[in-house]
């Protein structure tokens, strides 16, 4: 007799619930060949080598399964209000292609939120934010000289206590006014009737004091205008994070490999809550040994559309 048979239907329902929660909005890997898959669940991450077979999606989760609220975080100092309604946010920036597929659901009812505006913004491959090129603390700007670093990128301990001086990019600190008119790697889209939205971007780089991440906001109750998305309120402000294995693989690919910036690991990051998908840890897929060909990232966001979380009071 198997363990499932011993424990009965209740154990089987629990296992089904865990599978759905871990799956998030998983992107099928058909046609990828052998792939590295990193999955995220509350409190754990794992990576494995797998054959390419279509994976189950959370596009139609069981009505009995509801999602925990996705962790709220600070918006950071480099947010610019939603004014670029678009899927492709690369604007020609170099980097590993990243397809980011997100699903937004009401954490109480599990129903998808249609026509919610999802903002994302992140640094480029060398840690620079558009709109704040002179204020960013990444490894961009003047190209590094000498022999590029090899092997594992250096790591550093994140700052502790109240921030001093220039706030760490994308971390804590109050909002800063833009220093330039660049807007690459920023964009907004409305979710479809199933709660999905998809962005075409590049794998972010790293900069001092923070692990690799993407910022996000979810807005509801507003509408599209000629100036962008206006009205309503922000029901979620969070960040997406990347498994260490994927970051180390990206560091072997140019232009990431030219960065001389001290790198903070996921475990050292002072924003990531360490609670897996609930804290924003993405499900990632890419070809083993060929991450430069592209990465697919996905996650289901559980939000409370009646709450306001603009991320400015943290």
Protein backbone atom coordinates (compact mmCIF):
# COMPACT_ATOMS: atom_id res chain seq x y z
CA UNK A 1 0.00 0.00 0.00
CA UNK A 2 1.37 3.43 -1.00
CA UNK A 3 1.63 6.43 1.34
CA UNK A 4 -1.21 8.14 -0.53
CA UNK A 5 -3.43 5.08 -0.01
CA UNK A 6 -2.55 5.00 3.69
CA UNK A 7 -3.27 8.66 4.26
CA UNK A 8 -6.46 8.72 2.22
CA UNK A 9 -8.16 11.36 0.04
CA UNK A 10 -7.27 14.27 2.36
CA UNK A 11 -3.55 13.69 1.85
CA UNK A 12 -4.07 13.46 -1.91
CA UNK A 13 -5.96 16.80 -1.89
CA UNK A 14 -3.10 18.37 0.03
CA UNK A 15 -0.58 17.10 -2.49
CA UNK A 16 -2.71 18.46 -5.33
CA UNK A 17 -2.86 21.86 -3.60
CA UNK A 18 0.93 21.90 -3.22
CA UNK A 19 1.41 21.10 -6.88
CA UNK A 20 -0.84 23.96 -7.95
CA UNK A 21 0.80 26.45 -5.60
CA UNK A 22 4.30 25.46 -6.72
CA UNK A 23 3.35 25.55 -10.38
CA UNK A 24 2.35 29.21 -10.32
CA UNK A 25 1.72 30.31 -13.88
CA UNK A 26 4.27 27.83 -15.24
CA UNK A 27 5.36 28.29 -18.82
CA UNK A 28 5.40 25.11 -20.92
CA UNK A 29 8.85 24.07 -22.05
CA UNK A 30 7.90 22.17 -25.18
CA UNK A 31 10.67 22.34 -27.76
CA UNK A 32 13.35 23.48 -25.32
CA UNK A 33 15.16 20.16 -24.99
CA UNK A 34 16.93 19.47 -21.70
CA UNK A 35 16.16 22.38 -19.45
CA UNK A 36 16.96 23.71 -16.02
CA UNK A 37 13.79 24.37 -14.09
CA UNK A 38 13.78 26.30 -10.86
CA UNK A 39 10.53 26.17 -8.93
CA UNK A 40 9.48 28.17 -5.92
CA UNK A 41 7.27 27.29 -2.99
CA UNK A 42 6.91 28.78 0.46
CA UNK A 43 10.27 28.46 2.13
CA UNK A 44 12.09 26.36 -0.47
CA UNK A 45 13.62 26.41 -3.92
CA UNK A 46 14.86 23.58 -6.05
CA UNK A 47 16.57 23.12 -9.37
CA UNK A 48 16.59 20.03 -11.53
CA UNK A 49 17.38 18.84 -15.03
CA UNK A 50 14.31 17.67 -16.91
CA UNK A 51 13.12 16.63 -20.34
CA UNK A 52 10.96 19.06 -22.26
CA UNK A 53 7.34 18.08 -21.78
CA UNK A 54 4.38 20.44 -21.58
CA UNK A 55 3.90 21.39 -17.94
CA UNK A 56 0.59 21.97 -16.20
CA UNK A 57 -0.48 25.60 -16.00
CA UNK A 58 -2.30 27.36 -13.17
CA UNK A 59 -4.54 29.11 -15.68
CA UNK A 60 -7.52 27.16 -14.34
CA UNK A 61 -6.79 26.37 -10.68
CA UNK A 62 -9.22 24.29 -8.65
CA UNK A 63 -11.94 26.39 -7.06
CA UNK A 64 -10.93 24.86 -3.71
CA UNK A 65 -7.40 26.27 -3.97
CA UNK A 66 -6.70 29.87 -3.01
CA UNK A 67 -3.42 31.72 -3.09
CA UNK A 68 -1.69 33.36 -0.19
CA UNK A 69 -1.10 37.08 -0.45
CA UNK A 70 2.12 37.81 -2.27
CA UNK A 71 4.55 39.69 -0.03
CA UNK A 72 4.47 43.48 -0.09
CA UNK A 73 7.79 45.32 -0.39
CA UNK A 74 9.07 48.85 -0.80
CA UNK A 75 8.74 50.43 -4.24
CA UNK A 76 12.34 51.67 -4.01
CA UNK A 77 13.66 55.07 -5.07
CA UNK A 78 13.49 54.52 -8.85
CA UNK A 79 9.78 54.17 -9.61
CA UNK A 80 8.29 56.16 -12.48
CA UNK A 81 4.50 56.24 -12.85
CA UNK A 82 2.90 54.02 -15.48
CA UNK A 83 3.14 55.82 -18.82
CA UNK A 84 4.57 53.19 -21.19
CA UNK A 85 1.79 50.74 -22.11
CA UNK A 86 3.70 47.99 -23.92
CA UNK A 87 4.74 44.35 -23.90
CA UNK A 88 8.32 44.71 -25.17
CA UNK A 89 10.29 46.96 -22.79
CA UNK A 90 13.83 46.21 -23.99
CA UNK A 91 14.37 49.27 -26.22
CA UNK A 92 17.40 47.50 -27.68
CA UNK A 93 19.17 46.92 -24.35
CA UNK A 94 21.69 44.07 -24.38
CA UNK A 95 21.13 41.03 -22.21
CA UNK A 96 19.73 37.52 -21.95
CA UNK A 97 16.17 37.48 -23.39
CA UNK A 98 13.58 37.09 -20.64
CA UNK A 99 9.90 36.35 -21.17
CA UNK A 100 8.03 37.18 -17.98
CA UNK A 101 4.52 35.73 -17.69
CA UNK A 102 2.46 36.74 -14.68
CA UNK A 103 -1.00 35.89 -13.46
CA UNK A 104 -2.90 38.12 -11.04
CA UNK A 105 -5.61 36.56 -8.89
CA UNK A 106 -7.78 37.64 -5.98
CA UNK A 107 -6.15 35.81 -3.08
CA UNK A 108 -9.51 35.38 -1.34
CA UNK A 109 -11.62 34.05 -4.21
CA UNK A 110 -8.86 32.76 -6.53
CA UNK A 111 -10.63 34.47 -9.42
CA UNK A 112 -8.35 36.10 -12.00
CA UNK A 113 -8.25 39.89 -12.02
CA UNK A 114 -8.96 41.14 -15.53
CA UNK A 115 -7.92 44.63 -16.67
CA UNK A 116 -5.54 45.10 -13.75
CA UNK A 117 -2.56 47.26 -14.72
CA UNK A 118 0.76 45.54 -14.00
CA UNK A 119 3.89 47.72 -13.89
CA UNK A 120 7.37 46.24 -14.01
CA UNK A 121 10.74 48.01 -13.92
CA UNK A 122 14.29 46.82 -13.37
CA UNK A 123 17.94 47.59 -14.01
CA UNK A 124 19.85 46.61 -17.12
CA UNK A 125 22.53 43.91 -17.41
CA UNK A 126 25.05 46.15 -15.63
CA UNK A 127 22.80 47.39 -12.83
CA UNK A 128 21.68 50.73 -14.30
CA UNK A 129 18.09 52.05 -14.09
CA UNK A 130 16.59 54.14 -16.88
CA UNK A 131 15.53 57.56 -15.69
CA UNK A 132 18.29 57.42 -13.06
CA UNK A 133 21.45 56.60 -14.97
CA UNK A 134 23.55 59.09 -13.01
CA UNK A 135 22.10 57.98 -9.66
CA UNK A 136 22.24 54.20 -10.18
CA UNK A 137 24.87 52.23 -8.27
CA UNK A 138 25.40 49.51 -10.86
CA UNK A 139 28.48 48.51 -12.77
CA UNK A 140 27.57 50.37 -15.94
CA UNK A 141 28.71 53.75 -17.17
CA UNK A 142 32.42 53.63 -18.00
CA UNK A 143 33.26 50.18 -19.40
CA UNK A 144 35.60 48.20 -17.13
CA UNK A 145 39.23 47.93 -18.16
CA UNK A 146 41.65 45.05 -17.79
CA UNK A 147 40.81 41.35 -17.84
CA UNK A 148 37.10 40.57 -17.27
CA UNK A 149 36.41 38.55 -14.08
CA UNK A 150 35.91 34.81 -14.36
CA UNK A 151 34.17 32.23 -12.21
CA UNK A 152 31.73 33.05 -9.42
CA UNK A 153 30.97 36.78 -9.12
CA UNK A 154 32.03 38.41 -5.83
CA UNK A 155 29.42 38.63 -3.12
CA UNK A 156 28.92 41.14 -0.40
CA UNK A 157 26.90 41.63 2.75
CA UNK A 158 23.85 43.87 2.28
CA UNK A 159 23.56 47.05 4.32
CA UNK A 160 21.88 46.76 7.70
CA UNK A 161 19.88 49.27 9.69
CA UNK A 162 18.68 52.57 8.30
CA UNK A 163 20.17 53.43 4.92
CA UNK A 164 22.64 56.30 4.80
CA UNK A 165 23.77 58.44 1.90
CA UNK A 166 22.45 57.42 -1.50
CA UNK A 167 19.76 54.74 -1.04
CA UNK A 168 20.65 51.36 -2.53
CA UNK A 169 19.11 51.22 -5.99
CA UNK A 170 15.74 49.51 -6.01
CA UNK A 171 15.89 48.85 -2.28
CA UNK A 172 14.81 51.13 0.54
CA UNK A 173 14.87 54.90 0.81
CA UNK A 174 12.45 57.53 -0.40
CA UNK A 175 11.51 58.24 -3.97
CA UNK A 176 14.03 60.14 -6.11
CA UNK A 177 13.10 62.42 -8.97
CA UNK A 178 14.28 61.14 -12.38
CA UNK A 179 17.62 62.45 -13.58
CA UNK A 180 17.08 61.73 -17.29
CA UNK A 181 14.33 60.97 -19.80
CA UNK A 182 15.30 57.35 -20.57
CA UNK A 183 12.58 54.74 -20.00
CA UNK A 184 14.05 51.39 -21.09
CA UNK A 185 13.15 48.26 -19.08
CA UNK A 186 9.93 49.85 -17.83
CA UNK A 187 6.41 49.09 -18.94
CA UNK A 188 2.77 48.50 -18.08
CA UNK A 189 0.14 46.13 -19.44
CA UNK A 190 -3.42 45.22 -18.61
CA UNK A 191 -4.20 41.63 -17.62
CA UNK A 192 -6.44 39.64 -19.94
CA UNK A 193 -9.71 37.97 -18.97
CA UNK A 194 -7.74 35.12 -17.37
CA UNK A 195 -5.57 37.46 -15.31
CA UNK A 196 -2.45 36.98 -17.45
CA UNK A 197 0.08 39.51 -18.65
CA UNK A 198 3.36 38.89 -20.47
CA UNK A 199 6.45 41.07 -20.89
CA UNK A 200 9.45 40.77 -23.19
CA UNK A 201 12.57 42.06 -21.44
CA UNK A 202 16.12 41.03 -20.48
CA UNK A 203 17.49 39.18 -17.46
CA UNK A 204 18.41 41.90 -14.92
CA UNK A 205 21.96 42.39 -13.70
CA UNK A 206 23.07 43.16 -10.14
CA UNK A 207 24.33 46.14 -8.19
CA UNK A 208 25.72 46.79 -4.75
CA UNK A 209 23.48 45.85 -1.81
CA UNK A 210 20.75 43.96 -3.71
CA UNK A 211 20.26 40.56 -5.28
CA UNK A 212 18.92 40.29 -8.82
CA UNK A 213 15.27 41.40 -8.89
CA UNK A 214 12.42 43.05 -10.80
CA UNK A 215 10.00 45.57 -9.27
CA UNK A 216 6.24 45.38 -9.80
CA UNK A 217 3.03 47.19 -8.97
CA UNK A 218 -0.54 46.07 -9.58
CA UNK A 219 -3.20 48.76 -10.02
CA UNK A 220 -6.98 48.25 -10.12
CA UNK A 221 -10.00 50.48 -10.65
CA UNK A 222 -8.36 52.81 -13.19
CA UNK A 223 -8.49 53.11 -16.96
CA UNK A 224 -6.24 53.57 -19.97
CA UNK A 225 -5.96 57.11 -21.31
CA UNK A 226 -3.79 58.84 -23.90
CA UNK A 227 -1.32 59.54 -21.08
CA UNK A 228 -1.20 55.96 -19.78
CA UNK A 229 -3.06 54.23 -16.97
CA UNK A 230 -4.82 56.66 -14.65
CA UNK A 231 -7.11 56.50 -11.61
CA UNK A 232 -7.85 53.59 -9.32
CA UNK A 233 -5.40 52.51 -6.64
CA UNK A 234 -2.32 50.32 -6.17
CA UNK A 235 -3.29 47.03 -4.52
CA UNK A 236 0.17 45.43 -4.59
CA UNK A 237 3.79 46.56 -4.61
CA UNK A 238 6.37 43.80 -4.73
CA UNK A 239 9.55 42.44 -6.23
CA UNK A 240 10.42 39.32 -8.23
CA UNK A 241 13.59 37.39 -7.41
CA UNK A 242 15.84 34.95 -9.26
CA UNK A 243 17.29 31.66 -8.01
CA UNK A 244 21.03 31.77 -7.35
CA UNK A 245 21.71 29.01 -9.88
CA UNK A 246 20.24 31.10 -12.70
CA UNK A 247 22.14 34.22 -11.63
CA UNK A 248 25.45 32.32 -11.57
CA UNK A 249 24.71 30.99 -15.06
CA UNK A 250 23.91 34.48 -16.34
CA UNK A 251 27.21 35.77 -14.93
CA UNK A 252 29.07 33.67 -17.51
CA UNK A 253 27.37 35.51 -20.40
CA UNK A 254 28.32 38.96 -21.76
CA UNK A 255 27.62 41.71 -20.83
CA UNK A 256 26.97 40.36 -17.31
CA UNK A 257 30.43 38.78 -17.28
CA UNK A 258 32.05 42.23 -17.61
CA UNK A 259 30.52 43.56 -14.39
CA UNK A 260 32.97 44.37 -11.61
CA UNK A 261 30.24 45.26 -9.11
CA UNK A 262 30.16 43.37 -5.82
CA UNK A 263 27.18 41.00 -5.90
CA UNK A 264 24.69 40.28 -3.12
CA UNK A 265 23.21 36.77 -3.06
CA UNK A 266 19.54 35.96 -2.60
CA UNK A 267 20.16 34.76 0.96
CA UNK A 268 21.96 38.01 1.79
CA UNK A 269 19.30 40.30 0.33
CA UNK A 270 17.56 42.48 2.93
CA UNK A 271 14.29 42.71 0.95
CA UNK A 272 13.61 39.08 -0.02
CA UNK A 273 11.57 37.43 2.72
CA UNK A 274 12.94 33.95 2.06
CA UNK A 275 9.46 32.47 1.62
CA UNK A 276 9.66 31.25 -1.96
CA UNK A 277 6.92 32.08 -4.46
CA UNK A 278 4.94 33.94 -1.81
CA UNK A 279 7.88 36.32 -1.51
CA UNK A 280 8.25 36.76 -5.26
CA UNK A 281 10.69 33.97 -6.20
CA UNK A 282 10.11 33.28 -9.90
CA UNK A 283 9.68 29.92 -11.58
CA UNK A 284 12.41 29.88 -14.26
CA UNK A 285 13.06 27.75 -17.33
CA UNK A 286 16.12 27.82 -19.57
CA UNK A 287 18.30 25.38 -21.50
CA UNK A 288 21.04 23.89 -19.38
CA UNK A 289 24.37 25.41 -20.31
CA UNK A 290 22.69 27.78 -22.78
CA UNK A 291 20.98 30.38 -20.61
CA UNK A 292 22.14 33.00 -23.10
CA UNK A 293 19.49 31.70 -25.52
CA UNK A 294 16.73 32.92 -23.24
CA UNK A 295 14.81 32.42 -20.02
CA UNK A 296 11.10 32.06 -19.25
CA UNK A 297 9.93 33.31 -15.86
CA UNK A 298 6.47 32.98 -14.37
CA UNK A 299 4.56 33.56 -11.15
CA UNK A 300 1.03 33.85 -9.84
CA UNK A 301 0.42 36.95 -7.72
CA UNK A 302 -2.19 36.70 -5.00
CA UNK A 303 -3.46 40.21 -4.23
CA UNK A 304 -6.31 41.86 -2.33
CA UNK A 305 -7.94 44.26 -4.81
CA UNK A 306 -9.70 46.14 -1.99
CA UNK A 307 -6.46 47.03 -0.19
CA UNK A 308 -4.00 49.83 -0.97
CA UNK A 309 -0.28 48.97 -0.95
CA UNK A 310 1.72 51.63 -2.76
CA UNK A 311 5.05 50.65 -1.20
CA UNK A 312 5.96 54.17 -0.12
CA UNK A 313 5.45 53.76 3.61
CA UNK A 314 8.05 51.05 4.21
